């Protein structure tokens, strides 16, 4: 995978065209396309997590229940410029995506000494559904992934090219990534793996330990906040990563591993997944050098950690995402080194990627063609209709009086209603107040904000609109609860789902159970 192989890399898209021009066009196309998609009558609304983080941004703090403060501060900064709009929420993801693409280009060019391979690596990300979604949806993964990319670039300068000034800078980006997602500290594991294999003498110097020290210094805001909140984040992370769901049952573990691998095949693009696997094997067999070793060392340990978690529980498909920042350049170099053999596979990957991306952006075009409920095959179906539900709730609120409030059964729905109900009211979440531990949800940020506490005396006597699945606890908390006709969310004549809404009169108050069975 060296520059002397570049002459064999001749896809027609690059013939006679300057690579940097292609890079510029790719970045402009992605950014402008997403801005227009979000700003001009988009077919999707915010995701539940996006709305929840936006709600965080209205009450800025050192940290939050499950994550650090980075996502809230980024959203608030953007919304202060563009208003509390969908574009305001999502703009940071689009900007960070450009930064991540530039990191991909820089690292690939630096390692393989080829601008064509570098642009090819960026182009590959444009046919990977996970990257396309991540460049528009504003969740914790956008700043986390960008910081991971920056740390990897500066880590390369430090550990491979012996630039001493780069060691502390890498630590800064690992620390900033931690403020978005705690898993950022696992980048340090990859760095240590690389040093142990390729640069062991550096472990005797101060520089790697300086990087680690700076990284951990950024944990201070989260630690200070948790010290004042019963260490709730630590309890949540411990439960979510170590909760034993499989009980080390071999069948359950195989199912979890199968779901992990299957999720990666779908999120990466099946052919890209295959080419990436081939690139890893090729690198181990034919390219045993420091540079490719760095890419493998930063990427593979993270995937190994996620695989270990599957021994106890199932994982989310997006968890291994940082693995691919260094494996995409490796895959682009593998394609270049073995060209033209992968030509057909690359064409197939492009066709699959583009078709998948069209379906993700305009999936409603296919609702009458695919004879299955959209929720069974369309991942974007859960992003549709929340504005309509918000308007319906707004109408009901007006009929219930000026002090009526909004209660939702889940924290994500509470965030969505806060965003889409007229006036962006403070909303409340019922989940952790249910008496039955089997039905009760874990704690959320809504349980930590005093102004969202459903036991407040000031809330008693008020009417409410409840959104979600009702329960005996809710009925008992009001003088009267009236079910309204379910609100259907319809696209192109197909009902995606229906939403239950209730008018509630005369709130008595709710007290969170203190039986020690509420999960963090």
Protein backbone atom coordinates (compact mmCIF):
# COMPACT_ATOMS: atom_id res chain seq x y z
CA UNK A 1 0.00 0.00 0.00
CA UNK A 2 2.65 2.53 -1.04
CA UNK A 3 2.82 5.50 -3.38
CA UNK A 4 4.62 3.45 -6.04
CA UNK A 5 1.35 1.57 -6.54
CA UNK A 6 -0.52 4.80 -7.32
CA UNK A 7 -0.07 4.41 -11.08
CA UNK A 8 -2.30 1.32 -10.98
CA UNK A 9 -5.12 3.29 -9.36
CA UNK A 10 -7.08 4.74 -12.25
CA UNK A 11 -10.85 4.82 -11.69
CA UNK A 12 -12.36 6.93 -14.44
CA UNK A 13 -13.66 9.47 -11.90
CA UNK A 14 -10.11 10.59 -11.18
CA UNK A 15 -8.70 10.65 -14.74
CA UNK A 16 -7.71 14.17 -15.77
CA UNK A 17 -9.18 15.78 -12.65
CA UNK A 18 -7.24 17.32 -9.78
CA UNK A 19 -7.85 15.32 -6.56
CA UNK A 20 -8.23 18.43 -4.41
CA UNK A 21 -10.94 19.74 -6.70
CA UNK A 22 -12.81 16.46 -6.22
CA UNK A 23 -12.33 16.75 -2.47
CA UNK A 24 -13.71 20.30 -2.46
CA UNK A 25 -16.72 19.28 -4.56
CA UNK A 26 -17.44 16.30 -2.32
CA UNK A 27 -17.37 18.43 0.81
CA UNK A 28 -19.50 21.17 -0.74
CA UNK A 29 -22.00 18.67 -2.12
CA UNK A 30 -22.38 16.95 1.24
CA UNK A 31 -22.67 20.14 3.28
CA UNK A 32 -24.93 22.14 0.97
CA UNK A 33 -27.06 19.08 0.23
CA UNK A 34 -27.68 18.45 3.92
CA UNK A 35 -28.38 22.11 4.69
CA UNK A 36 -30.97 22.29 1.91
CA UNK A 37 -32.45 18.94 2.93
CA UNK A 38 -32.95 20.06 6.53
CA UNK A 39 -33.95 23.66 5.80
CA UNK A 40 -36.47 23.16 2.97
CA UNK A 41 -39.51 21.11 4.00
CA UNK A 42 -37.62 18.00 5.17
CA UNK A 43 -39.52 14.69 5.23
CA UNK A 44 -38.04 13.87 8.65
CA UNK A 45 -38.06 15.61 12.01
CA UNK A 46 -35.53 15.48 14.83
CA UNK A 47 -34.68 12.13 16.37
CA UNK A 48 -35.59 11.60 20.00
CA UNK A 49 -31.96 11.86 21.13
CA UNK A 50 -31.44 15.08 19.15
CA UNK A 51 -34.47 16.67 20.81
CA UNK A 52 -33.36 15.44 24.22
CA UNK A 53 -29.89 16.97 23.79
CA UNK A 54 -31.49 20.19 22.55
CA UNK A 55 -33.49 20.24 25.79
CA UNK A 56 -30.22 19.84 27.67
CA UNK A 57 -28.90 22.88 25.81
CA UNK A 58 -31.62 25.04 27.36
CA UNK A 59 -30.14 24.36 30.80
CA UNK A 60 -26.37 24.38 30.31
CA UNK A 61 -24.37 22.60 32.99
CA UNK A 62 -20.97 21.05 33.72
CA UNK A 63 -22.33 17.63 32.74
CA UNK A 64 -25.55 15.66 32.38
CA UNK A 65 -27.09 12.39 33.48
CA UNK A 66 -25.59 10.11 30.83
CA UNK A 67 -23.06 12.22 28.92
CA UNK A 68 -20.69 15.15 29.17
CA UNK A 69 -21.64 18.71 28.22
CA UNK A 70 -20.14 19.00 24.71
CA UNK A 71 -23.27 18.17 22.72
CA UNK A 72 -25.42 20.62 24.70
CA UNK A 73 -22.94 23.49 24.30
CA UNK A 74 -22.56 22.87 20.56
CA UNK A 75 -26.31 22.83 20.00
CA UNK A 76 -26.83 25.95 22.11
CA UNK A 77 -24.10 27.79 20.21
CA UNK A 78 -25.67 26.90 16.88
CA UNK A 79 -29.24 27.67 18.00
CA UNK A 80 -28.12 31.05 19.32
CA UNK A 81 -27.28 31.88 15.70
CA UNK A 82 -30.08 30.11 13.81
CA UNK A 83 -32.80 29.90 16.44
CA UNK A 84 -34.35 26.79 17.96
CA UNK A 85 -34.88 25.15 14.59
CA UNK A 86 -34.03 21.78 13.10
CA UNK A 87 -31.20 23.40 11.14
CA UNK A 88 -29.97 25.09 14.31
CA UNK A 89 -29.82 21.73 16.09
CA UNK A 90 -28.16 19.88 13.22
CA UNK A 91 -25.70 22.42 11.84
CA UNK A 92 -22.86 21.38 14.21
CA UNK A 93 -23.04 17.80 12.89
CA UNK A 94 -22.69 19.06 9.32
CA UNK A 95 -19.71 21.28 10.16
CA UNK A 96 -18.00 18.57 12.20
CA UNK A 97 -18.51 16.13 9.30
CA UNK A 98 -16.42 18.41 7.09
CA UNK A 99 -13.70 18.46 9.74
CA UNK A 100 -13.76 14.67 10.01
CA UNK A 101 -13.52 14.29 6.23
CA UNK A 102 -10.51 16.60 6.17
CA UNK A 103 -8.92 14.47 8.89
CA UNK A 104 -9.55 11.35 6.77
CA UNK A 105 -7.96 13.06 3.76
CA UNK A 106 -4.96 14.34 5.72
CA UNK A 107 -4.19 11.06 7.52
CA UNK A 108 -4.53 8.97 4.36
CA UNK A 109 -2.34 11.32 2.34
CA UNK A 110 0.25 11.45 5.12
CA UNK A 111 0.49 7.68 5.47
CA UNK A 112 0.20 6.55 1.85
CA UNK A 113 1.74 9.64 0.19
CA UNK A 114 -0.99 9.81 -2.40
CA UNK A 115 -3.62 12.51 -2.87
CA UNK A 116 -5.67 10.20 -5.05
CA UNK A 117 -5.87 7.52 -2.36
CA UNK A 118 -6.66 10.24 0.18
CA UNK A 119 -9.58 11.57 -1.86
CA UNK A 120 -10.65 7.99 -2.52
CA UNK A 121 -10.85 7.40 1.25
CA UNK A 122 -13.11 10.43 1.66
CA UNK A 123 -15.22 9.30 -1.31
CA UNK A 124 -15.72 5.90 0.32
CA UNK A 125 -17.36 7.58 3.33
CA UNK A 126 -19.98 9.07 0.98
CA UNK A 127 -21.31 5.60 0.17
CA UNK A 128 -21.34 4.39 3.79
CA UNK A 129 -24.83 4.90 5.29
CA UNK A 130 -23.49 5.30 8.83
CA UNK A 131 -21.26 8.20 7.79
CA UNK A 132 -24.00 9.89 5.79
CA UNK A 133 -26.44 9.71 8.72
CA UNK A 134 -23.78 10.83 11.18
CA UNK A 135 -22.99 13.89 9.07
CA UNK A 136 -26.53 15.21 9.57
CA UNK A 137 -27.96 13.87 12.86
CA UNK A 138 -26.69 15.84 15.85
CA UNK A 139 -26.01 13.30 18.56
CA UNK A 140 -23.02 12.79 20.84
CA UNK A 141 -21.35 10.75 18.09
CA UNK A 142 -20.65 13.75 15.84
CA UNK A 143 -18.31 15.63 18.23
CA UNK A 144 -16.96 12.36 19.63
CA UNK A 145 -16.01 11.06 16.19
CA UNK A 146 -14.46 14.36 15.13
CA UNK A 147 -12.33 14.50 18.28
CA UNK A 148 -11.32 10.86 17.76
CA UNK A 149 -10.23 11.78 14.23
CA UNK A 150 -8.23 14.80 15.38
CA UNK A 151 -6.57 12.83 18.18
CA UNK A 152 -5.61 10.14 15.65
CA UNK A 153 -4.03 12.68 13.31
CA UNK A 154 -2.00 14.36 16.05
CA UNK A 155 -1.21 10.97 17.57
CA UNK A 156 0.30 9.94 14.24
CA UNK A 157 2.50 13.03 14.16
CA UNK A 158 3.60 12.31 17.73
CA UNK A 159 4.08 8.55 17.80
CA UNK A 160 5.17 7.87 14.21
CA UNK A 161 6.78 11.13 13.04
CA UNK A 162 8.29 12.05 16.43
CA UNK A 163 6.72 15.53 16.65
CA UNK A 164 6.90 16.19 20.39
CA UNK A 165 4.51 19.15 20.30
CA UNK A 166 1.78 16.85 18.96
CA UNK A 167 1.60 14.69 22.10
CA UNK A 168 -0.25 17.24 24.28
CA UNK A 169 -2.48 18.28 21.39
CA UNK A 170 -3.59 14.67 20.94
CA UNK A 171 -4.41 14.60 24.66
CA UNK A 172 -6.53 17.74 24.33
CA UNK A 173 -8.68 16.16 21.63
CA UNK A 174 -9.07 12.91 23.54
CA UNK A 175 -10.23 14.99 26.50
CA UNK A 176 -12.63 17.06 24.40
CA UNK A 177 -13.99 13.82 22.97
CA UNK A 178 -14.58 12.57 26.52
CA UNK A 179 -16.82 15.59 27.13
CA UNK A 180 -18.97 14.28 24.28
CA UNK A 181 -18.75 10.54 24.95
CA UNK A 182 -16.87 8.76 27.70
CA UNK A 183 -15.62 6.08 25.29
CA UNK A 184 -13.13 8.63 23.94
CA UNK A 185 -10.64 7.49 26.60
CA UNK A 186 -10.43 4.12 24.83
CA UNK A 187 -8.40 5.89 22.13
CA UNK A 188 -5.54 5.77 24.63
CA UNK A 189 -5.71 1.97 24.63
CA UNK A 190 -5.09 1.94 20.87
CA UNK A 191 -2.16 4.31 21.30
CA UNK A 192 -0.60 2.08 23.97
CA UNK A 193 -1.09 -1.00 21.78
CA UNK A 194 0.77 0.75 18.96
CA UNK A 195 3.60 1.82 21.25
CA UNK A 196 3.95 -1.66 22.73
CA UNK A 197 4.23 -3.23 19.28
CA UNK A 198 6.16 -0.61 17.31
CA UNK A 199 7.66 2.08 19.56
CA UNK A 200 8.23 0.53 22.95
CA UNK A 201 11.12 2.86 23.77
CA UNK A 202 8.69 5.81 23.80
CA UNK A 203 6.95 4.32 26.83
CA UNK A 204 10.06 5.19 28.82
CA UNK A 205 9.67 8.86 27.89
CA UNK A 206 7.33 11.43 29.41
CA UNK A 207 5.39 12.14 26.21
CA UNK A 208 2.77 9.34 26.06
CA UNK A 209 2.07 9.85 29.76
CA UNK A 210 1.66 13.57 29.18
CA UNK A 211 -1.00 12.75 26.57
CA UNK A 212 -2.76 10.47 29.03
CA UNK A 213 -2.55 13.04 31.83
CA UNK A 214 -3.99 15.83 29.69
CA UNK A 215 -6.78 13.53 28.52
CA UNK A 216 -7.80 12.71 32.08
CA UNK A 217 -7.64 16.38 33.10
CA UNK A 218 -10.72 16.94 30.94
CA UNK A 219 -12.71 14.56 33.12
CA UNK A 220 -12.78 17.21 35.86
CA UNK A 221 -16.10 18.87 34.87
CA UNK A 222 -17.85 15.49 34.73
CA UNK A 223 -16.34 14.39 38.05
CA UNK A 224 -17.28 17.64 39.79
CA UNK A 225 -20.86 17.45 38.49
CA UNK A 226 -21.19 13.79 39.47
CA UNK A 227 -19.86 14.47 42.95
CA UNK A 228 -22.91 16.71 43.41
CA UNK A 229 -25.32 14.23 41.80
CA UNK A 230 -24.66 10.95 43.61
CA UNK A 231 -22.27 9.73 40.87
CA UNK A 232 -25.28 8.97 38.71
CA UNK A 233 -23.35 8.93 35.41
CA UNK A 234 -20.97 6.28 36.70
CA UNK A 235 -23.86 4.10 37.79
CA UNK A 236 -25.51 4.52 34.42
CA UNK A 237 -22.37 3.66 32.43
CA UNK A 238 -21.59 0.67 34.66
CA UNK A 239 -25.09 -0.71 34.17
CA UNK A 240 -25.32 -0.02 30.44
CA UNK A 241 -21.96 -1.64 29.62
CA UNK A 242 -21.87 -4.51 32.10
CA UNK A 243 -25.49 -5.48 32.69
CA UNK A 244 -25.57 -9.25 32.28
CA UNK A 245 -28.29 -10.05 29.75
CA UNK A 246 -26.74 -13.15 28.19
CA UNK A 247 -25.77 -14.90 31.48
CA UNK A 248 -22.86 -16.30 29.43
CA UNK A 249 -25.28 -18.49 27.53
CA UNK A 250 -23.38 -19.54 24.36
CA UNK A 251 -26.47 -19.14 22.19
CA UNK A 252 -27.17 -15.64 23.54
CA UNK A 253 -23.55 -14.65 23.01
CA UNK A 254 -23.62 -15.94 19.41
CA UNK A 255 -26.83 -14.02 18.78
CA UNK A 256 -25.28 -10.85 20.20
CA UNK A 257 -22.16 -11.30 18.06
CA UNK A 258 -24.29 -12.01 15.02
CA UNK A 259 -26.31 -8.86 15.60
CA UNK A 260 -23.11 -6.87 16.05
CA UNK A 261 -21.58 -8.10 12.80
CA UNK A 262 -24.88 -7.90 10.93
CA UNK A 263 -25.35 -4.33 12.09
CA UNK A 264 -21.89 -3.39 10.83
CA UNK A 265 -22.56 -4.96 7.44
CA UNK A 266 -25.72 -2.91 7.09
CA UNK A 267 -24.32 0.36 8.42
CA UNK A 268 -21.06 0.17 6.47
CA UNK A 269 -22.43 -1.11 3.14
CA UNK A 270 -22.02 -4.90 2.65
CA UNK A 271 -19.34 -4.61 -0.04
CA UNK A 272 -17.36 -1.96 1.86
CA UNK A 273 -17.48 -4.28 4.87
CA UNK A 274 -16.02 -7.09 2.76
CA UNK A 275 -13.34 -4.87 1.24
CA UNK A 276 -12.43 -3.62 4.70
CA UNK A 277 -12.04 -7.17 6.01
CA UNK A 278 -9.84 -7.98 3.01
CA UNK A 279 -7.78 -4.84 3.66
CA UNK A 280 -7.15 -5.88 7.27
CA UNK A 281 -6.00 -9.35 6.20
CA UNK A 282 -3.83 -7.85 3.44
CA UNK A 283 -2.23 -5.44 5.91
CA UNK A 284 -1.40 -8.21 8.37
CA UNK A 285 0.08 -10.43 5.64
CA UNK A 286 1.79 -7.99 3.29
CA UNK A 287 2.09 -4.58 4.93
CA UNK A 288 3.68 -5.08 8.33
CA UNK A 289 5.06 -1.62 8.90
CA UNK A 290 4.64 1.17 11.41
CA UNK A 291 2.23 3.21 9.34
CA UNK A 292 -0.36 0.55 8.67
CA UNK A 293 0.34 -0.75 12.18
CA UNK A 294 -0.78 2.60 13.53
CA UNK A 295 -4.08 2.42 11.64
CA UNK A 296 -4.76 -1.10 12.89
CA UNK A 297 -3.71 -0.33 16.47
CA UNK A 298 -5.99 2.69 16.82
CA UNK A 299 -8.96 0.97 15.16
CA UNK A 300 -9.13 -2.69 16.13
CA UNK A 301 -8.87 -2.51 19.95
CA UNK A 302 -12.04 -0.42 20.06
CA UNK A 303 -13.92 -3.03 18.05
CA UNK A 304 -12.48 -5.69 20.37
CA UNK A 305 -13.86 -3.83 23.38
CA UNK A 306 -17.36 -3.71 21.85
CA UNK A 307 -17.12 -7.41 20.99
CA UNK A 308 -16.24 -8.17 24.62
CA UNK A 309 -19.34 -6.31 25.78
CA UNK A 310 -21.45 -8.68 23.67
CA UNK A 311 -20.41 -11.50 26.02
CA UNK A 312 -22.79 -9.94 28.53
CA UNK A 313 -25.33 -7.94 26.55
CA UNK A 314 -26.39 -6.83 23.11
CA UNK A 315 -24.82 -3.64 21.77
CA UNK A 316 -25.96 -0.74 19.64
CA UNK A 317 -24.91 -0.94 15.96
CA UNK A 318 -23.20 2.47 16.06
CA UNK A 319 -20.90 1.64 18.98
CA UNK A 320 -17.92 0.44 16.86
CA UNK A 321 -17.99 3.58 14.66
CA UNK A 322 -14.55 4.95 15.77
CA UNK A 323 -12.97 1.72 14.54
CA UNK A 324 -13.61 2.75 10.97
CA UNK A 325 -11.85 6.10 10.99
CA UNK A 326 -8.51 4.33 10.51
CA UNK A 327 -9.86 1.34 8.59
CA UNK A 328 -11.39 3.46 5.79
CA UNK A 329 -7.93 4.78 4.75
CA UNK A 330 -6.60 1.22 4.94
CA UNK A 331 -9.44 0.07 2.67
CA UNK A 332 -8.82 2.86 0.15
CA UNK A 333 -5.13 1.93 0.01
CA UNK A 334 -6.01 -1.76 -0.41
CA UNK A 335 -8.25 -0.92 -3.37
CA UNK A 336 -5.44 1.13 -4.90
CA UNK A 337 -2.86 -1.60 -4.35
CA UNK A 338 -4.97 -4.35 -5.92
CA UNK A 339 -6.58 -2.32 -8.72
CA UNK A 340 -8.19 -3.20 -11.14
CA UNK A 341 -9.37 -6.42 -9.45
CA UNK A 342 -11.76 -4.59 -7.05
CA UNK A 343 -13.28 -2.53 -9.89
CA UNK A 344 -16.54 -4.49 -10.05
CA UNK A 345 -16.85 -4.62 -6.28
CA UNK A 346 -16.32 -0.87 -6.03
CA UNK A 347 -18.99 -0.21 -8.64
CA UNK A 348 -21.36 -2.49 -6.75
CA UNK A 349 -20.58 -0.75 -3.46
CA UNK A 350 -21.28 2.62 -5.05
CA UNK A 351 -24.63 1.47 -6.42
CA UNK A 352 -25.67 -0.05 -3.08
CA UNK A 353 -24.48 3.00 -1.17
CA UNK A 354 -26.26 5.53 -3.36
CA UNK A 355 -29.51 3.53 -3.38
CA UNK A 356 -29.39 3.15 0.40
CA UNK A 357 -28.73 6.85 0.88
CA UNK A 358 -31.67 7.77 -1.37
CA UNK A 359 -33.89 5.43 0.65
CA UNK A 360 -32.70 6.94 3.92
CA UNK A 361 -33.41 10.49 2.74
CA UNK A 362 -36.65 9.86 0.83
CA UNK A 363 -37.85 6.51 2.09
CA UNK A 364 -41.52 7.49 1.72
CA UNK A 365 -41.12 7.09 -2.05
CA UNK A 366 -40.99 3.33 -1.45
CA UNK A 367 -43.87 2.97 1.01
CA UNK A 368 -46.34 1.77 -1.62
CA UNK A 369 -43.76 -0.49 -3.27
CA UNK A 370 -42.53 -2.41 -0.24
CA UNK A 371 -45.42 -4.38 1.18
CA UNK A 372 -44.29 -4.23 4.81
CA UNK A 373 -45.00 -1.76 7.63
CA UNK A 374 -42.36 1.00 7.33
CA UNK A 375 -41.21 0.53 10.92
CA UNK A 376 -40.02 -2.97 10.00
CA UNK A 377 -37.60 -1.87 7.28
CA UNK A 378 -37.23 1.92 7.32
CA UNK A 379 -34.89 3.26 10.05
CA UNK A 380 -36.02 6.82 9.29
CA UNK A 381 -39.68 5.98 10.04
CA UNK A 382 -39.06 6.88 13.70
CA UNK A 383 -38.08 10.41 12.57
CA UNK A 384 -41.40 11.18 10.91
CA UNK A 385 -44.44 13.03 12.21
CA UNK A 386 -43.26 14.55 15.48
CA UNK A 387 -44.07 18.04 14.24
CA UNK A 388 -47.66 16.93 13.55
CA UNK A 389 -47.92 15.42 17.01
CA UNK A 390 -46.49 18.60 18.49
CA UNK A 391 -49.14 20.69 16.75
CA UNK A 392 -51.91 18.37 17.98
CA UNK A 393 -50.60 18.67 21.54
CA UNK A 394 -50.40 22.47 21.13
CA UNK A 395 -54.10 22.56 20.21
CA UNK A 396 -55.04 20.47 23.25
CA UNK A 397 -52.92 22.63 25.57
CA UNK A 398 -54.83 25.75 24.51
CA UNK A 399 -58.12 24.05 25.35
CA UNK A 400 -56.91 23.09 28.83
CA UNK A 401 -55.92 26.53 30.01
CA UNK A 402 -52.83 28.72 30.23
CA UNK A 403 -51.07 26.67 32.92
CA UNK A 404 -51.58 23.25 31.30
CA UNK A 405 -48.42 21.13 31.04
CA UNK A 406 -47.09 18.33 28.84
CA UNK A 407 -46.17 14.92 30.25
CA UNK A 408 -44.66 12.10 28.16
CA UNK A 409 -44.07 8.47 28.99
CA UNK A 410 -40.44 8.41 27.71
CA UNK A 411 -37.59 10.91 27.95
CA UNK A 412 -37.09 11.07 24.18
CA UNK A 413 -40.75 11.84 23.63
CA UNK A 414 -40.57 14.51 26.34
CA UNK A 415 -37.70 16.13 24.40
CA UNK A 416 -39.57 15.95 21.11
CA UNK A 417 -42.64 17.58 22.62
CA UNK A 418 -40.50 20.29 24.19
CA UNK A 419 -39.15 21.07 20.73
CA UNK A 420 -42.30 20.74 18.60
CA UNK A 421 -45.05 22.06 20.89
CA UNK A 422 -45.66 25.77 20.35
CA UNK A 423 -43.58 27.93 22.66
CA UNK A 424 -41.10 25.13 23.50
CA UNK A 425 -42.57 24.44 26.97
CA UNK A 426 -40.73 22.62 29.73
CA UNK A 427 -42.01 19.06 29.57
CA UNK A 428 -42.13 16.25 32.10
CA UNK A 429 -41.30 12.54 31.93
CA UNK A 430 -43.40 9.86 33.63
CA UNK A 431 -41.08 6.87 33.13
CA UNK A 432 -39.30 6.66 36.49
CA UNK A 433 -42.47 7.33 38.52
CA UNK A 434 -44.24 4.05 37.73
CA UNK A 435 -44.93 1.88 40.77
CA UNK A 436 -44.25 -1.46 39.05
CA UNK A 437 -40.46 -1.95 38.80
CA UNK A 438 -40.94 -4.07 35.68
CA UNK A 439 -42.69 -1.20 33.89
CA UNK A 440 -40.57 1.58 35.38
CA UNK A 441 -37.93 3.24 33.20
CA UNK A 442 -34.40 4.10 34.28
CA UNK A 443 -33.55 7.56 35.52
CA UNK A 444 -32.96 10.32 32.97
CA UNK A 445 -31.90 13.96 33.01
CA UNK A 446 -35.54 14.88 33.69
CA UNK A 447 -35.22 13.21 37.09
CA UNK A 448 -32.26 15.43 38.00
CA UNK A 449 -33.74 18.82 37.11
CA UNK A 450 -35.71 20.21 40.08
CA UNK A 451 -38.04 22.11 37.75
CA UNK A 452 -39.13 18.84 36.10
CA UNK A 453 -39.94 17.05 39.36
CA UNK A 454 -43.54 15.79 39.23
CA UNK A 455 -43.79 15.91 43.03
CA UNK A 456 -43.57 19.73 43.09
CA UNK A 457 -46.49 21.23 45.04
CA UNK A 458 -46.70 24.00 42.43
CA UNK A 459 -47.87 21.46 39.80
CA UNK A 460 -50.86 20.24 41.75
CA UNK A 461 -54.24 21.12 40.37
CA UNK A 462 -52.92 21.76 36.87
CA UNK A 463 -54.28 20.13 33.75
CA UNK A 464 -52.00 18.29 31.33
CA UNK A 465 -51.73 16.68 27.95
CA UNK A 466 -50.18 13.22 28.25
CA UNK A 467 -48.41 11.73 25.22
CA UNK A 468 -47.60 8.03 25.13
CA UNK A 469 -48.86 4.83 26.69
CA UNK A 470 -51.04 5.44 29.72
CA UNK A 471 -50.81 3.51 32.97
CA UNK A 472 -52.73 3.10 36.25
CA UNK A 473 -50.20 5.44 37.89
CA UNK A 474 -51.07 8.23 35.48
CA UNK A 475 -54.83 7.72 35.86
CA UNK A 476 -54.50 7.78 39.65
CA UNK A 477 -52.48 11.02 39.51
CA UNK A 478 -55.39 13.03 38.01
CA UNK A 479 -59.01 13.69 38.81
CA UNK A 480 -59.94 12.59 35.30
CA UNK A 481 -58.11 11.25 32.24
CA UNK A 482 -59.77 11.40 28.82
CA UNK A 483 -58.40 9.41 25.90
CA UNK A 484 -58.44 11.22 22.56
CA UNK A 485 -58.67 9.45 19.18
CA UNK A 486 -55.27 8.09 18.18
CA UNK A 487 -53.42 10.44 15.85
CA UNK A 488 -52.31 8.61 12.68
CA UNK A 489 -49.04 9.58 11.00
CA UNK A 490 -49.56 8.95 7.29
CA UNK A 491 -47.17 9.25 4.35
CA UNK A 492 -48.18 8.51 0.77
CA UNK A 493 -51.32 6.78 1.97
CA UNK A 494 -49.45 4.46 4.36
CA UNK A 495 -49.92 4.75 8.13
CA UNK A 496 -46.49 4.69 9.73
CA UNK A 497 -47.76 4.64 13.30
CA UNK A 498 -50.45 6.11 15.55
CA UNK A 499 -49.89 8.28 18.59
CA UNK A 500 -51.95 8.11 21.78
CA UNK A 501 -52.79 11.46 23.39
CA UNK A 502 -54.80 12.10 26.59
CA UNK A 503 -56.41 15.10 28.24
CA UNK A 504 -55.74 15.02 31.96
CA UNK A 505 -57.56 17.17 34.53
CA UNK A 506 -56.56 18.09 38.07
CA UNK A 507 -53.04 16.82 38.79
CA UNK A 508 -52.53 15.36 42.29
CA UNK A 509 -48.75 15.01 42.04
CA UNK A 510 -46.50 11.97 41.65
CA UNK A 511 -43.70 10.76 43.88
CA UNK A 512 -40.87 8.65 42.50
CA UNK A 513 -40.76 5.21 44.18
CA UNK A 514 -38.01 4.91 46.78
CA UNK A 515 -37.74 1.12 46.74
CA UNK A 516 -34.16 0.97 45.45
CA UNK A 517 -35.27 -0.78 42.24
CA UNK A 518 -35.06 2.19 39.88
CA UNK A 519 -32.21 1.63 37.43
CA UNK A 520 -29.64 4.26 36.67
